Amino acid sequence: MAGKSKPKTLNQALAQRGAMTQLAKRLNITVGYLCDIRYGRKAPSLSLAAEISEATGVPMESLVRRKQEAA
């Protein structure tokens, strides 16, 4: 993937049509739960954040920090 930068946010990573469904299936979670994580309504566990980060290239700290900043 030369020339393609890694997404900085989960929102960027899931912008492609069908990406949420594919990732939710891969992680064995519901699309609704992934949507809640995407928009900062819920924070993933550290292990799930690590899995999301590995699958999408999104930095793990952006997945955990978003919920803390909203509080």
Protein backbone atom coordinates (compact mmCIF):
# COMPACT_ATOMS: atom_id res chain seq x y z
CA MET A 1 0.00 0.00 0.00
CA ALA A 2 2.60 2.51 -1.04
CA GLY A 3 1.55 6.12 -0.80
CA LYS A 4 -1.52 5.37 1.32
CA SER A 5 -1.43 6.94 4.78
CA LYS A 6 -2.88 5.25 7.83
CA PRO A 7 -6.17 6.65 9.13
CA LYS A 8 -5.85 8.74 12.29
CA THR A 9 -9.41 8.17 13.50
CA LEU A 10 -11.85 5.31 13.48
CA ASN A 11 -14.25 7.50 11.53
CA GLN A 12 -11.68 7.84 8.72
CA ALA A 13 -10.95 4.11 8.78
CA LEU A 14 -14.64 3.22 8.45
CA ALA A 15 -15.51 5.78 5.77
CA GLN A 16 -15.57 3.11 3.04
CA ARG A 17 -18.97 1.58 2.34
CA GLY A 18 -19.36 -1.76 4.10
CA ALA A 19 -16.28 -1.28 6.29
CA MET A 20 -18.26 -1.23 9.55
CA THR A 21 -20.01 -4.48 8.79
CA GLN A 22 -16.77 -6.20 7.79
CA LEU A 23 -14.89 -4.98 10.85
CA ALA A 24 -17.73 -5.86 13.24
CA LYS A 25 -17.82 -9.40 11.86
CA ARG A 26 -14.04 -9.71 12.11
CA LEU A 27 -14.12 -8.56 15.75
CA ASN A 28 -17.24 -10.58 16.60
CA ILE A 29 -19.15 -7.51 17.84
CA THR A 30 -22.36 -5.90 16.64
CA VAL A 31 -22.38 -3.10 14.11
CA GLY A 32 -24.31 -1.02 16.66
CA TYR A 33 -21.58 -1.41 19.27
CA LEU A 34 -18.90 -0.54 16.72
CA CYS A 35 -20.95 2.52 15.73
CA ASP A 36 -21.10 3.60 19.39
CA ILE A 37 -17.31 3.28 19.61
CA ARG A 38 -16.88 5.14 16.32
CA TYR A 39 -18.85 8.16 17.51
CA GLY A 40 -17.49 8.16 21.08
CA ARG A 41 -20.68 7.05 22.79
CA LYS A 42 -18.92 4.00 24.26
CA ALA A 43 -15.29 3.22 25.00
CA PRO A 44 -13.91 -0.17 23.99
CA SER A 45 -12.02 -2.36 26.43
CA LEU A 46 -8.26 -2.13 26.08
CA SER A 47 -8.15 -5.54 24.39
CA LEU A 48 -10.87 -4.55 21.90
CA ALA A 49 -9.16 -1.21 21.27
CA ALA A 50 -5.96 -3.13 20.49
CA GLU A 51 -7.85 -5.39 18.05
CA ILE A 52 -9.49 -2.40 16.35
CA SER A 53 -6.15 -0.64 16.10
CA GLU A 54 -4.48 -3.69 14.58
CA ALA A 55 -7.30 -4.21 12.09
CA THR A 56 -7.60 -0.58 10.98
CA GLY A 57 -4.22 1.03 11.59
CA VAL A 58 -5.86 3.65 13.81
CA PRO A 59 -3.65 4.55 16.79
CA MET A 60 -4.93 2.84 19.92
CA GLU A 61 -4.69 6.03 21.98
CA SER A 62 -7.25 7.73 19.73
CA LEU A 63 -9.75 4.96 20.50
CA VAL A 64 -9.31 5.20 24.26
CA ARG A 65 -8.77 8.96 24.59
CA ARG A 66 -11.96 10.00 22.75
CA LYS A 67 -14.22 8.72 25.52
CA GLN A 68 -12.06 10.15 28.31
CA GLU A 69 -12.05 13.61 26.70
CA ALA A 70 -15.85 13.55 26.40
CA ALA A 71 -16.23 12.96 30.16
